[in-house]
Amino acid sequence: PAGRYLVPPPAGESAAASVTLPFPPEEIGANTGRIFKFGNRAGILVRTPAGELKAFTAACSHLGCIVQYRDDISRIWCACHNGHFDLNGRNVQGPPPRPLEEFVVNVRGDEIVVSKGA
């Protein structure tokens, strides 16, 4: 019983179903990425070299490290163990066992709304 005061409770799953990002679409140039908050998790928004906006969880499927976008190789990359994901979130190199969870991106005027898929 005393242990429950020493160990924090497990973090719950994000309650957010969607978020409106705090920056407009024009701030994301082609072949760039940006980390954002999605409930209690991190997400990554990427504008592909072709100009398409895509969003994924930013937690690597290997050990949960936060990924980043590498414009020099046009991939999402995890620095912890050199994991690589393509622009569809598929794990293509290194130890990540699964793709990144993809989110739905909608641009509504000057807003970017990111939501969980069905």
PDB file of N, CA and C in Angstrom:
ATOM      1  N   PRO A   1       0.798  -1.203   0.000  1.00  0.00           N
ATOM      2  CA  PRO A   1       0.000   0.000   0.000  1.00  0.00           C
ATOM      3  C   PRO A   1       0.851   1.282   0.000  1.00  0.00           C
ATOM      4  N   ALA A   2       1.960   1.294   0.744  1.00  0.00           N
ATOM      5  CA  ALA A   2       2.779   2.508   0.779  1.00  0.00           C
ATOM      6  C   ALA A   2       3.412   2.774  -0.582  1.00  0.00           C
ATOM      7  N   GLY A   3       3.603   1.728  -1.384  1.00  0.00           N
ATOM      8  CA  GLY A   3       4.216   1.870  -2.699  1.00  0.00           C
ATOM      9  C   GLY A   3       3.405   2.727  -3.647  1.00  0.00           C
ATOM     10  N   ARG A   4       2.104   2.746  -3.478  1.00  0.00           N
ATOM     11  CA  ARG A   4       1.279   3.535  -4.398  1.00  0.00           C
ATOM     12  C   ARG A   4       1.543   5.029  -4.264  1.00  0.00           C
ATOM     13  N   TYR A   5       2.123   5.450  -3.152  1.00  0.00           N
ATOM     14  CA  TYR A   5       2.474   6.860  -2.988  1.00  0.00           C
ATOM     15  C   TYR A   5       3.835   7.181  -3.595  1.00  0.00           C
ATOM     16  N   LEU A   6       4.640   6.154  -3.827  1.00  0.00           N
ATOM     17  CA  LEU A   6       5.978   6.345  -4.373  1.00  0.00           C
ATOM     18  C   LEU A   6       6.028   6.203  -5.883  1.00  0.00           C
ATOM     19  N   VAL A   7       5.070   5.485  -6.449  1.00  0.00           N
ATOM     20  CA  VAL A   7       5.052   5.238  -7.890  1.00  0.00           C
ATOM     21  C   VAL A   7       3.885   6.008  -8.498  1.00  0.00           C
ATOM     22  N   PRO A   8       4.171   6.860  -9.495  1.00  0.00           N
ATOM     23  CA  PRO A   8       3.062   7.603 -10.102  1.00  0.00           C
ATOM     24  C   PRO A   8       2.118   6.669 -10.847  1.00  0.00           C
ATOM     25  N   PRO A   9       0.853   7.036 -10.952  1.00  0.00           N
ATOM     26  CA  PRO A   9      -0.085   6.199 -11.703  1.00  0.00           C
ATOM     27  C   PRO A   9       0.305   6.187 -13.172  1.00  0.00           C
ATOM     28  N   PRO A  10      -0.038   5.127 -13.904  1.00  0.00           N
ATOM     29  CA  PRO A  10       0.301   5.076 -15.327  1.00  0.00           C
ATOM     30  C   PRO A  10      -0.392   6.194 -16.096  1.00  0.00           C
ATOM     31  N   ALA A  11       0.315   6.714 -17.074  1.00  0.00           N
ATOM     32  CA  ALA A  11      -0.266   7.772 -17.907  1.00  0.00           C
ATOM     33  C   ALA A  11      -1.366   7.179 -18.764  1.00  0.00           C
ATOM     34  N   GLY A  12      -2.481   7.850 -18.823  1.00  0.00           N
ATOM     35  CA  GLY A  12      -3.596   7.382 -19.633  1.00  0.00           C
ATOM     36  C   GLY A  12      -3.403   7.717 -21.097  1.00  0.00           C
ATOM     37  N   GLU A  13      -4.191   7.122 -21.917  1.00  0.00           N
ATOM     38  CA  GLU A  13      -4.182   7.405 -23.356  1.00  0.00           C
ATOM     39  C   GLU A  13      -4.704   8.820 -23.573  1.00  0.00           C
ATOM     40  N   SER A  14      -4.262   9.443 -24.618  1.00  0.00           N
ATOM     41  CA  SER A  14      -4.692  10.801 -24.940  1.00  0.00           C
ATOM     42  C   SER A  14      -6.211  10.835 -25.090  1.00  0.00           C
ATOM     43  N   ALA A  15      -6.839  11.786 -24.427  1.00  0.00           N
ATOM     44  CA  ALA A  15      -8.286  11.924 -24.547  1.00  0.00           C
ATOM     45  C   ALA A  15      -8.665  12.760 -25.762  1.00  0.00           C
ATOM     46  N   ALA A  16      -7.681  13.413 -26.360  1.00  0.00           N
ATOM     47  CA  ALA A  16      -7.970  14.292 -27.497  1.00  0.00           C
ATOM     48  C   ALA A  16      -8.374  13.478 -28.717  1.00  0.00           C
ATOM     49  N   ALA A  17      -9.464  13.885 -29.349  1.00  0.00           N
ATOM     50  CA  ALA A  17      -9.874  13.272 -30.614  1.00  0.00           C
ATOM     51  C   ALA A  17      -9.380  14.114 -31.776  1.00  0.00           C
ATOM     52  N   SER A  18      -9.227  15.431 -31.526  1.00  0.00           N
ATOM     53  CA  SER A  18      -8.683  16.318 -32.550  1.00  0.00           C
ATOM     54  C   SER A  18      -8.080  17.545 -31.881  1.00  0.00           C
ATOM     55  N   VAL A  19      -7.157  18.182 -32.596  1.00  0.00           N
ATOM     56  CA  VAL A  19      -6.545  19.418 -32.120  1.00  0.00           C
ATOM     57  C   VAL A  19      -6.435  20.392 -33.288  1.00  0.00           C
ATOM     58  N   THR A  20      -6.567  21.666 -32.967  1.00  0.00           N
ATOM     59  CA  THR A  20      -6.295  22.719 -33.943  1.00  0.00           C
ATOM     60  C   THR A  20      -4.892  23.216 -33.643  1.00  0.00           C
ATOM     61  N   LEU A  21      -4.016  23.140 -34.621  1.00  0.00           N
ATOM     62  CA  LEU A  21      -2.621  23.493 -34.397  1.00  0.00           C
ATOM     63  C   LEU A  21      -2.462  25.001 -34.242  1.00  0.00           C
ATOM     64  N   PRO A  22      -1.492  25.424 -33.411  1.00  0.00           N
ATOM     65  CA  PRO A  22      -1.337  26.851 -33.103  1.00  0.00           C
ATOM     66  C   PRO A  22      -0.531  27.631 -34.143  1.00  0.00           C
ATOM     67  N   PHE A  23      -0.535  27.159 -35.373  1.00  0.00           N
ATOM     68  CA  PHE A  23       0.171  27.856 -36.447  1.00  0.00           C
ATOM     69  C   PHE A  23      -0.575  27.616 -37.751  1.00  0.00           C
ATOM     70  N   PRO A  24      -0.516  28.574 -38.683  1.00  0.00           N
ATOM     71  CA  PRO A  24      -1.234  28.443 -39.955  1.00  0.00           C
ATOM     72  C   PRO A  24      -0.485  27.555 -40.944  1.00  0.00           C
ATOM     73  N   PRO A  25      -1.186  27.042 -41.951  1.00  0.00           N
ATOM     74  CA  PRO A  25      -0.564  26.134 -42.926  1.00  0.00           C
ATOM     75  C   PRO A  25       0.646  26.735 -43.635  1.00  0.00           C
ATOM     76  N   GLU A  26       0.621  28.041 -43.886  1.00  0.00           N
ATOM     77  CA  GLU A  26       1.729  28.636 -44.641  1.00  0.00           C
ATOM     78  C   GLU A  26       3.045  28.663 -43.862  1.00  0.00           C
ATOM     79  N   GLU A  27       3.000  28.402 -42.543  1.00  0.00           N
ATOM     80  CA  GLU A  27       4.242  28.335 -41.757  1.00  0.00           C
ATOM     81  C   GLU A  27       4.989  27.024 -41.962  1.00  0.00           C
ATOM     82  N   ILE A  28       4.361  26.060 -42.607  1.00  0.00           N
ATOM     83  CA  ILE A  28       5.003  24.771 -42.854  1.00  0.00           C
ATOM     84  C   ILE A  28       5.393  24.721 -44.322  1.00  0.00           C
ATOM     85  N   GLY A  29       6.672  24.951 -44.590  1.00  0.00           N
ATOM     86  CA  GLY A  29       7.160  24.925 -45.964  1.00  0.00           C
ATOM     87  C   GLY A  29       7.288  23.506 -46.486  1.00  0.00           C
ATOM     88  N   ALA A  30       7.418  23.380 -47.799  1.00  0.00           N
ATOM     89  CA  ALA A  30       7.610  22.055 -48.408  1.00  0.00           C
ATOM     90  C   ALA A  30       8.882  21.416 -47.862  1.00  0.00           C
ATOM     91  N   ASN A  31       8.826  20.097 -47.654  1.00  0.00           N
ATOM     92  CA  ASN A  31       9.960  19.299 -47.181  1.00  0.00           C
ATOM     93  C   ASN A  31      10.410  19.718 -45.780  1.00  0.00           C
ATOM     94  N   THR A  32       9.429  20.016 -44.900  1.00  0.00           N
ATOM     95  CA  THR A  32       9.731  20.353 -43.510  1.00  0.00           C
ATOM     96  C   THR A  32       8.776  19.612 -42.584  1.00  0.00           C
ATOM     97  N   GLY A  33       9.107  19.597 -41.307  1.00  0.00           N
ATOM     98  CA  GLY A  33       8.263  18.966 -40.306  1.00  0.00           C
ATOM     99  C   GLY A  33       8.248  19.781 -39.033  1.00  0.00           C
ATOM    100  N   ARG A  34       7.226  19.545 -38.215  1.00  0.00           N
ATOM    101  CA  ARG A  34       7.092  20.290 -36.966  1.00  0.00           C
ATOM    102  C   ARG A  34       6.385  19.421 -35.938  1.00  0.00           C
ATOM    103  N   ILE A  35       6.913  19.420 -34.721  1.00  0.00           N
ATOM    104  CA  ILE A  35       6.310  18.676 -33.614  1.00  0.00           C
ATOM    105  C   ILE A  35       5.157  19.509 -33.038  1.00  0.00           C
ATOM    106  N   PHE A  36       4.072  18.828 -32.639  1.00  0.00           N
ATOM    107  CA  PHE A  36       2.941  19.510 -32.010  1.00  0.00           C
ATOM    108  C   PHE A  36       2.396  18.634 -30.895  1.00  0.00           C
ATOM    109  N   LYS A  37       1.584  19.222 -30.042  1.00  0.00           N
ATOM    110  CA  LYS A  37       0.983  18.503 -28.913  1.00  0.00           C
ATOM    111  C   LYS A  37      -0.379  17.963 -29.336  1.00  0.00           C
ATOM    112  N   PHE A  38      -0.598  16.670 -29.085  1.00  0.00           N
ATOM    113  CA  PHE A  38      -1.876  16.013 -29.385  1.00  0.00           C
ATOM    114  C   PHE A  38      -2.358  15.363 -28.091  1.00  0.00           C
ATOM    115  N   GLY A  39      -3.152  16.094 -27.325  1.00  0.00           N
ATOM    116  CA  GLY A  39      -3.537  15.598 -26.007  1.00  0.00           C
ATOM    117  C   GLY A  39      -2.293  15.493 -25.142  1.00  0.00           C
ATOM    118  N   ASN A  40      -2.050  14.309 -24.559  1.00  0.00           N
ATOM    119  CA  ASN A  40      -0.844  14.132 -23.751  1.00  0.00           C
ATOM    120  C   ASN A  40       0.276  13.457 -24.538  1.00  0.00           C
ATOM    121  N   ARG A  41       0.152  13.438 -25.853  1.00  0.00           N
ATOM    122  CA  ARG A  41       1.177  12.841 -26.710  1.00  0.00           C
ATOM    123  C   ARG A  41       1.748  13.894 -27.645  1.00  0.00           C
ATOM    124  N   ALA A  42       2.861  13.552 -28.263  1.00  0.00           N
ATOM    125  CA  ALA A  42       3.451  14.422 -29.282  1.00  0.00           C
ATOM    126  C   ALA A  42       3.068  13.895 -30.657  1.00  0.00           C
ATOM    127  N   GLY A  43       2.845  14.821 -31.571  1.00  0.00           N
ATOM    128  CA  GLY A  43       2.608  14.475 -32.967  1.00  0.00           C
ATOM    129  C   GLY A  43       3.643  15.165 -33.830  1.00  0.00           C
ATOM    130  N   ILE A  44       3.756  14.728 -35.065  1.00  0.00           N
ATOM    131  CA  ILE A  44       4.634  15.390 -36.020  1.00  0.00           C
ATOM    132  C   ILE A  44       3.835  15.675 -37.287  1.00  0.00           C
ATOM    133  N   LEU A  45       3.889  16.928 -37.717  1.00  0.00           N
ATOM    134  CA  LEU A  45       3.249  17.353 -38.958  1.00  0.00           C
ATOM    135  C   LEU A  45       4.345  17.516 -39.993  1.00  0.00           C
ATOM    136  N   VAL A  46       4.144  16.930 -41.161  1.00  0.00           N
ATOM    137  CA  VAL A  46       5.132  16.987 -42.238  1.00  0.00           C
ATOM    138  C   VAL A  46       4.465  17.537 -43.487  1.00  0.00           C
ATOM    139  N   ARG A  47       5.150  18.466 -44.149  1.00  0.00           N
ATOM    140  CA  ARG A  47       4.728  18.856 -45.491  1.00  0.00           C
ATOM    141  C   ARG A  47       5.728  18.196 -46.429  1.00  0.00           C
ATOM    142  N   THR A  48       5.235  17.281 -47.233  1.00  0.00           N
ATOM    143  CA  THR A  48       6.091  16.505 -48.131  1.00  0.00           C
ATOM    144  C   THR A  48       6.706  17.415 -49.193  1.00  0.00           C
ATOM    145  N   PRO A  49       7.740  16.937 -49.884  1.00  0.00           N
ATOM    146  CA  PRO A  49       8.310  17.730 -50.978  1.00  0.00           C
ATOM    147  C   PRO A  49       7.267  18.096 -52.038  1.00  0.00           C
ATOM    148  N   ALA A  50       6.218  17.269 -52.177  1.00  0.00           N
ATOM    149  CA  ALA A  50       5.142  17.550 -53.136  1.00  0.00           C
ATOM    150  C   ALA A  50       4.110  18.537 -52.583  1.00  0.00           C
ATOM    151  N   GLY A  51       4.230  18.921 -51.298  1.00  0.00           N
ATOM    152  CA  GLY A  51       3.335  19.909 -50.710  1.00  0.00           C
ATOM    153  C   GLY A  51       2.184  19.355 -49.897  1.00  0.00           C
ATOM    154  N   GLU A  52       2.065  18.035 -49.763  1.00  0.00           N
ATOM    155  CA  GLU A  52       0.974  17.419 -49.005  1.00  0.00           C
ATOM    156  C   GLU A  52       1.271  17.470 -47.509  1.00  0.00           C
ATOM    157  N   LEU A  53       0.243  17.778 -46.696  1.00  0.00           N
ATOM    158  CA  LEU A  53       0.389  17.761 -45.240  1.00  0.00           C
ATOM    159  C   LEU A  53       0.007  16.384 -44.711  1.00  0.00           C
ATOM    160  N   LYS A  54       0.873  15.822 -43.860  1.00  0.00           N
ATOM    161  CA  LYS A  54       0.615  14.532 -43.226  1.00  0.00           C
ATOM    162  C   LYS A  54       0.975  14.649 -41.757  1.00  0.00           C
ATOM    163  N   ALA A  55       0.268  13.908 -40.909  1.00  0.00           N
ATOM    164  CA  ALA A  55       0.547  13.941 -39.477  1.00  0.00           C
ATOM    165  C   ALA A  55       0.572  12.525 -38.921  1.00  0.00           C
ATOM    166  N   PHE A  56       1.459  12.325 -37.954  1.00  0.00           N
ATOM    167  CA  PHE A  56       1.653  11.025 -37.320  1.00  0.00           C
ATOM    168  C   PHE A  56       1.918  11.236 -35.838  1.00  0.00           C
ATOM    169  N   THR A  57       1.819  10.155 -35.061  1.00  0.00           N
ATOM    170  CA  THR A  57       2.330  10.221 -33.706  1.00  0.00           C
ATOM    171  C   THR A  57       3.832  10.443 -33.813  1.00  0.00           C
ATOM    172  N   ALA A  58       4.397  11.205 -32.889  1.00  0.00           N
ATOM    173  CA  ALA A  58       5.836  11.472 -32.928  1.00  0.00           C
ATOM    174  C   ALA A  58       6.619  10.482 -32.081  1.00  0.00           C
ATOM    175  N   ALA A  59       5.945   9.501 -31.494  1.00  0.00           N
ATOM    176  CA  ALA A  59       6.625   8.494 -30.679  1.00  0.00           C
ATOM    177  C   ALA A  59       7.041   7.320 -31.557  1.00  0.00           C
ATOM    178  N   CYS A  60       8.336   7.065 -31.609  1.00  0.00           N
ATOM    179  CA  CYS A  60       8.853   5.946 -32.397  1.00  0.00           C
ATOM    180  C   CYS A  60       8.244   4.637 -31.895  1.00  0.00           C
ATOM    181  N   SER A  61       7.916   3.764 -32.817  1.00  0.00           N
ATOM    182  CA  SER A  61       7.294   2.485 -32.446  1.00  0.00           C
ATOM    183  C   SER A  61       8.297   1.512 -31.830  1.00  0.00           C
ATOM    184  N   HIS A  62       9.571   1.866 -31.774  1.00  0.00           N
ATOM    185  CA  HIS A  62      10.576   1.004 -31.156  1.00  0.00           C
ATOM    186  C   HIS A  62      10.545   1.171 -29.637  1.00  0.00           C
ATOM    187  N   LEU A  63      10.989   2.335 -29.143  1.00  0.00           N
ATOM    188  CA  LEU A  63      11.026   2.555 -27.697  1.00  0.00           C
ATOM    189  C   LEU A  63      10.355   3.859 -27.265  1.00  0.00           C
ATOM    190  N   GLY A  64       9.645   4.509 -28.175  1.00  0.00           N
ATOM    191  CA  GLY A  64       8.892   5.694 -27.811  1.00  0.00           C
ATOM    192  C   GLY A  64       9.651   7.010 -27.848  1.00  0.00           C
ATOM    193  N   CYS A  65      10.874   7.013 -28.356  1.00  0.00           N
ATOM    194  CA  CYS A  65      11.612   8.277 -28.501  1.00  0.00           C
ATOM    195  C   CYS A  65      10.864   9.187 -29.478  1.00  0.00           C
ATOM    196  N   ILE A  66      11.051  10.480 -29.337  1.00  0.00           N
ATOM    197  CA  ILE A  66      10.390  11.438 -30.227  1.00  0.00           C
ATOM    198  C   ILE A  66      11.168  11.529 -31.538  1.00  0.00           C
ATOM    199  N   VAL A  67      10.447  11.350 -32.635  1.00  0.00           N
ATOM    200  CA  VAL A  67      11.055  11.382 -33.966  1.00  0.00           C
ATOM    201  C   VAL A  67      11.159  12.822 -34.460  1.00  0.00           C
ATOM    202  N   GLN A  68      11.859  13.001 -35.561  1.00  0.00           N
ATOM    203  CA  GLN A  68      11.975  14.311 -36.198  1.00  0.00           C
ATOM    204  C   GLN A  68      11.979  14.125 -37.706  1.00  0.00           C
ATOM    205  N   TYR A  69      11.723  15.210 -38.424  1.00  0.00           N
ATOM    206  CA  TYR A  69      11.748  15.135 -39.878  1.00  0.00           C
ATOM    207  C   TYR A  69      13.121  15.542 -40.376  1.00  0.00           C
ATOM    208  N   ARG A  70      13.700  14.725 -41.259  1.00  0.00           N
ATOM    209  CA  ARG A  70      15.006  15.017 -41.859  1.00  0.00           C
ATOM    210  C   ARG A  70      14.791  15.422 -43.306  1.00  0.00           C
ATOM    211  N   ASP A  71      14.945  16.715 -43.592  1.00  0.00           N
ATOM    212  CA  ASP A  71      14.737  17.187 -44.961  1.00  0.00           C
ATOM    213  C   ASP A  71      15.827  16.712 -45.914  1.00  0.00           C
ATOM    214  N   ASP A  72      17.014  16.383 -45.382  1.00  0.00           N
ATOM    215  CA  ASP A  72      18.106  15.933 -46.251  1.00  0.00           C
ATOM    216  C   ASP A  72      17.858  14.548 -46.843  1.00  0.00           C
ATOM    217  N   ILE A  73      17.004  13.755 -46.185  1.00  0.00           N
ATOM    218  CA  ILE A  73      16.687  12.414 -46.698  1.00  0.00           C
ATOM    219  C   ILE A  73      15.188  12.233 -46.935  1.00  0.00           C
ATOM    220  N   SER A  74      14.395  13.278 -46.659  1.00  0.00           N
ATOM    221  CA  SER A  74      12.930  13.248 -46.809  1.00  0.00           C
ATOM    222  C   SER A  74      12.314  12.052 -46.091  1.00  0.00           C
ATOM    223  N   ARG A  75      12.726  11.878 -44.840  1.00  0.00           N
ATOM    224  CA  ARG A  75      12.192  10.799 -44.000  1.00  0.00           C
ATOM    225  C   ARG A  75      11.979  11.292 -42.582  1.00  0.00           C
ATOM    226  N   ILE A  76      11.123  10.589 -41.881  1.00  0.00           N
ATOM    227  CA  ILE A  76      10.956  10.794 -40.448  1.00  0.00           C
ATOM    228  C   ILE A  76      11.985   9.884 -39.790  1.00  0.00           C
ATOM    229  N   TRP A  77      12.748  10.443 -38.844  1.00  0.00           N
ATOM    230  CA  TRP A  77      13.915   9.739 -38.316  1.00  0.00           C
ATOM    231  C   TRP A  77      13.903   9.744 -36.796  1.00  0.00           C
ATOM    232  N   CYS A  78      14.284   8.621 -36.216  1.00  0.00           N
ATOM    233  CA  CYS A  78      14.432   8.512 -34.770  1.00  0.00           C
ATOM    234  C   CYS A  78      15.920   8.457 -34.447  1.00  0.00           C
ATOM    235  N   ALA A  79      16.389   9.428 -33.700  1.00  0.00           N
ATOM    236  CA  ALA A  79      17.807   9.523 -33.364  1.00  0.00           C
ATOM    237  C   ALA A  79      18.246   8.475 -32.344  1.00  0.00           C
ATOM    238  N   CYS A  80      17.323   7.911 -31.577  1.00  0.00           N
ATOM    239  CA  CYS A  80      17.717   6.966 -30.523  1.00  0.00           C
ATOM    240  C   CYS A  80      18.438   5.741 -31.078  1.00  0.00           C
ATOM    241  N   HIS A  81      17.892   5.141 -32.134  1.00  0.00           N
ATOM    242  CA  HIS A  81      18.484   3.918 -32.685  1.00  0.00           C
ATOM    243  C   HIS A  81      18.477   3.922 -34.206  1.00  0.00           C
ATOM    244  N   ASN A  82      18.488   5.119 -34.806  1.00  0.00           N
ATOM    245  CA  ASN A  82      18.566   5.286 -36.259  1.00  0.00           C
ATOM    246  C   ASN A  82      17.409   4.608 -36.995  1.00  0.00           C
ATOM    247  N   GLY A  83      16.210   4.756 -36.450  1.00  0.00           N
ATOM    248  CA  GLY A  83      15.026   4.234 -37.125  1.00  0.00           C
ATOM    249  C   GLY A  83      14.543   5.217 -38.178  1.00  0.00           C
ATOM    250  N   HIS A  84      14.099   4.700 -39.317  1.00  0.00           N
ATOM    251  CA  HIS A  84      13.610   5.539 -40.412  1.00  0.00           C
ATOM    252  C   HIS A  84      12.177   5.153 -40.768  1.00  0.00           C
ATOM    253  N   PHE A  85      11.370   6.177 -41.066  1.00  0.00           N
ATOM    254  CA  PHE A  85       9.996   5.998 -41.525  1.00  0.00           C
ATOM    255  C   PHE A  85       9.841   6.803 -42.805  1.00  0.00           C
ATOM    256  N   ASP A  86       9.098   6.252 -43.775  1.00  0.00           N
ATOM    257  CA  ASP A  86       8.868   7.007 -45.008  1.00  0.00           C
ATOM    258  C   ASP A  86       7.761   8.040 -44.777  1.00  0.00           C
ATOM    259  N   LEU A  87       7.390   8.750 -45.824  1.00  0.00           N
ATOM    260  CA  LEU A  87       6.409   9.825 -45.681  1.00  0.00           C
ATOM    261  C   LEU A  87       4.973   9.327 -45.563  1.00  0.00           C
ATOM    262  N   ASN A  88       4.793   8.006 -45.522  1.00  0.00           N
ATOM    263  CA  ASN A  88       3.499   7.406 -45.201  1.00  0.00           C
ATOM    264  C   ASN A  88       3.521   6.800 -43.805  1.00  0.00           C
ATOM    265  N   GLY A  89       4.623   7.032 -43.066  1.00  0.00           N
ATOM    266  CA  GLY A  89       4.755   6.526 -41.707  1.00  0.00           C
ATOM    267  C   GLY A  89       5.230   5.090 -41.609  1.00  0.00           C
ATOM    268  N   ARG A  90       5.520   4.456 -42.751  1.00  0.00           N
ATOM    269  CA  ARG A  90       5.966   3.057 -42.732  1.00  0.00           C
ATOM    270  C   ARG A  90       7.399   2.953 -42.226  1.00  0.00           C
ATOM    271  N   ASN A  91       7.639   1.969 -41.365  1.00  0.00           N
ATOM    272  CA  ASN A  91       8.988   1.703 -40.881  1.00  0.00           C
ATOM    273  C   ASN A  91       9.792   1.066 -42.015  1.00  0.00           C
ATOM    274  N   VAL A  92      10.886   1.724 -42.412  1.00  0.00           N
ATOM    275  CA  VAL A  92      11.645   1.261 -43.576  1.00  0.00           C
ATOM    276  C   VAL A  92      13.104   0.938 -43.267  1.00  0.00           C
ATOM    277  N   GLN A  93      13.588   1.316 -42.082  1.00  0.00           N
ATOM    278  CA  GLN A  93      14.980   1.022 -41.740  1.00  0.00           C
ATOM    279  C   GLN A  93      15.144   1.070 -40.232  1.00  0.00           C
ATOM    280  N   GLY A  94      16.020   0.223 -39.710  1.00  0.00           N
ATOM    281  CA  GLY A  94      16.313   0.233 -38.286  1.00  0.00           C
ATOM    282  C   GLY A  94      15.368  -0.649 -37.498  1.00  0.00           C
ATOM    283  N   PRO A  95      15.376  -0.480 -36.164  1.00  0.00           N
ATOM    284  CA  PRO A  95      14.632  -1.397 -35.296  1.00  0.00           C
ATOM    285  C   PRO A  95      13.133  -1.161 -35.125  1.00  0.00           C
ATOM    286  N   PRO A  96      12.533  -0.036 -35.563  1.00  0.00           N
ATOM    287  CA  PRO A  96      11.097   0.124 -35.306  1.00  0.00           C
ATOM    288  C   PRO A  96      10.280  -1.041 -35.877  1.00  0.00           C
ATOM    289  N   PRO A  97       9.462  -1.696 -35.031  1.00  0.00           N
ATOM    290  CA  PRO A  97       8.716  -2.873 -35.476  1.00  0.00           C
ATOM    291  C   PRO A  97       7.412  -2.569 -36.216  1.00  0.00           C
ATOM    292  N   ARG A  98       6.907  -1.337 -36.086  1.00  0.00           N
ATOM    293  CA  ARG A  98       5.609  -0.985 -36.668  1.00  0.00           C
ATOM    294  C   ARG A  98       5.669   0.409 -37.286  1.00  0.00           C
ATOM    295  N   PRO A  99       4.727   0.690 -38.189  1.00  0.00           N
ATOM    296  CA  PRO A  99       4.608   2.057 -38.714  1.00  0.00           C
ATOM    297  C   PRO A  99       4.172   3.023 -37.609  1.00  0.00           C
ATOM    298  N   LEU A 100       4.309   4.300 -37.888  1.00  0.00           N
ATOM    299  CA  LEU A 100       3.783   5.328 -36.992  1.00  0.00           C
ATOM    300  C   LEU A 100       2.271   5.417 -37.173  1.00  0.00           C
ATOM    301  N   GLU A 101       1.560   5.702 -36.093  1.00  0.00           N
ATOM    302  CA  GLU A 101       0.113   5.911 -36.202  1.00  0.00           C
ATOM    303  C   GLU A 101      -0.129   7.193 -36.990  1.00  0.00           C
ATOM    304  N   GLU A 102      -0.961   7.102 -38.023  1.00  0.00           N
ATOM    305  CA  GLU A 102      -1.239   8.276 -38.854  1.00  0.00           C
ATOM    306  C   GLU A 102      -2.497   8.982 -38.369  1.00  0.00           C
ATOM    307  N   PHE A 103      -2.469  10.302 -38.406  1.00  0.00           N
ATOM    308  CA  PHE A 103      -3.617  11.129 -38.071  1.00  0.00           C
ATOM    309  C   PHE A 103      -4.200  11.722 -39.352  1.00  0.00           C
ATOM    310  N   VAL A 104      -5.427  12.201 -39.268  1.00  0.00           N
ATOM    311  CA  VAL A 104      -6.101  12.849 -40.393  1.00  0.00           C
ATOM    312  C   VAL A 104      -5.826  14.349 -40.306  1.00  0.00           C
ATOM    313  N   VAL A 105      -5.454  14.956 -41.434  1.00  0.00           N
ATOM    314  CA  VAL A 105      -5.161  16.392 -41.482  1.00  0.00           C
ATOM    315  C   VAL A 105      -6.200  17.089 -42.351  1.00  0.00           C
ATOM    316  N   ASN A 106      -6.816  18.137 -41.822  1.00  0.00           N
ATOM    317  CA  ASN A 106      -7.746  18.974 -42.581  1.00  0.00           C
ATOM    318  C   ASN A 106      -7.325  20.427 -42.439  1.00  0.00           C
ATOM    319  N   VAL A 107      -7.246  21.119 -43.557  1.00  0.00           N
ATOM    320  CA  VAL A 107      -6.967  22.551 -43.545  1.00  0.00           C
ATOM    321  C   VAL A 107      -8.292  23.269 -43.728  1.00  0.00           C
ATOM    322  N   ARG A 108      -8.605  24.133 -42.768  1.00  0.00           N
ATOM    323  CA  ARG A 108      -9.857  24.902 -42.791  1.00  0.00           C
ATOM    324  C   ARG A 108      -9.497  26.378 -42.733  1.00  0.00           C
ATOM    325  N   GLY A 109      -9.376  26.984 -43.885  1.00  0.00           N
ATOM    326  CA  GLY A 109      -8.958  28.387 -43.938  1.00  0.00           C
ATOM    327  C   GLY A 109      -7.521  28.523 -43.475  1.00  0.00           C
ATOM    328  N   ASP A 110      -7.325  29.273 -42.378  1.00  0.00           N
ATOM    329  CA  ASP A 110      -5.989  29.483 -41.819  1.00  0.00           C
ATOM    330  C   ASP A 110      -5.677  28.511 -40.690  1.00  0.00           C
ATOM    331  N   GLU A 111      -6.472  27.461 -40.542  1.00  0.00           N
ATOM    332  CA  GLU A 111      -6.268  26.508 -39.452  1.00  0.00           C
ATOM    333  C   GLU A 111      -5.938  25.122 -39.984  1.00  0.00           C
ATOM    334  N   ILE A 112      -5.103  24.428 -39.226  1.00  0.00           N
ATOM    335  CA  ILE A 112      -4.821  23.016 -39.488  1.00  0.00           C
ATOM    336  C   ILE A 112      -5.452  22.233 -38.348  1.00  0.00           C
ATOM    337  N   VAL A 113      -6.359  21.317 -38.674  1.00  0.00           N
ATOM    338  CA  VAL A 113      -7.009  20.475 -37.674  1.00  0.00           C
ATOM    339  C   VAL A 113      -6.521  19.049 -37.883  1.00  0.00           C
ATOM    340  N   VAL A 114      -5.969  18.474 -36.819  1.00  0.00           N
ATOM    341  CA  VAL A 114      -5.456  17.108 -36.859  1.00  0.00           C
ATOM    342  C   VAL A 114      -6.349  16.257 -35.971  1.00  0.00           C
ATOM    343  N   SER A 115      -6.779  15.098 -36.479  1.00  0.00           N
ATOM    344  CA  SER A 115      -7.666  14.233 -35.704  1.00  0.00           C
ATOM    345  C   SER A 115      -7.283  12.776 -35.880  1.00  0.00           C
ATOM    346  N   LYS A 116      -7.761  11.970 -34.941  1.00  0.00           N
ATOM    347  CA  LYS A 116      -7.546  10.524 -35.032  1.00  0.00           C
ATOM    348  C   LYS A 116      -8.381   9.981 -36.173  1.00  0.00           C
ATOM    349  N   GLY A 117      -7.852   8.970 -36.841  1.00  0.00           N
ATOM    350  CA  GLY A 117      -8.608   8.306 -37.902  1.00  0.00           C
ATOM    351  C   GLY A 117      -9.713   7.454 -37.321  1.00  0.00           C
ATOM    352  N   ALA A 118     -10.574   6.964 -38.191  1.00  0.00           N
ATOM    353  CA  ALA A 118     -11.709   6.138 -37.753  1.00  0.00           C
ATOM    354  C   ALA A 118     -11.267   4.769 -37.323  1.00  0.00           C
TER     355      ALA A 118
END
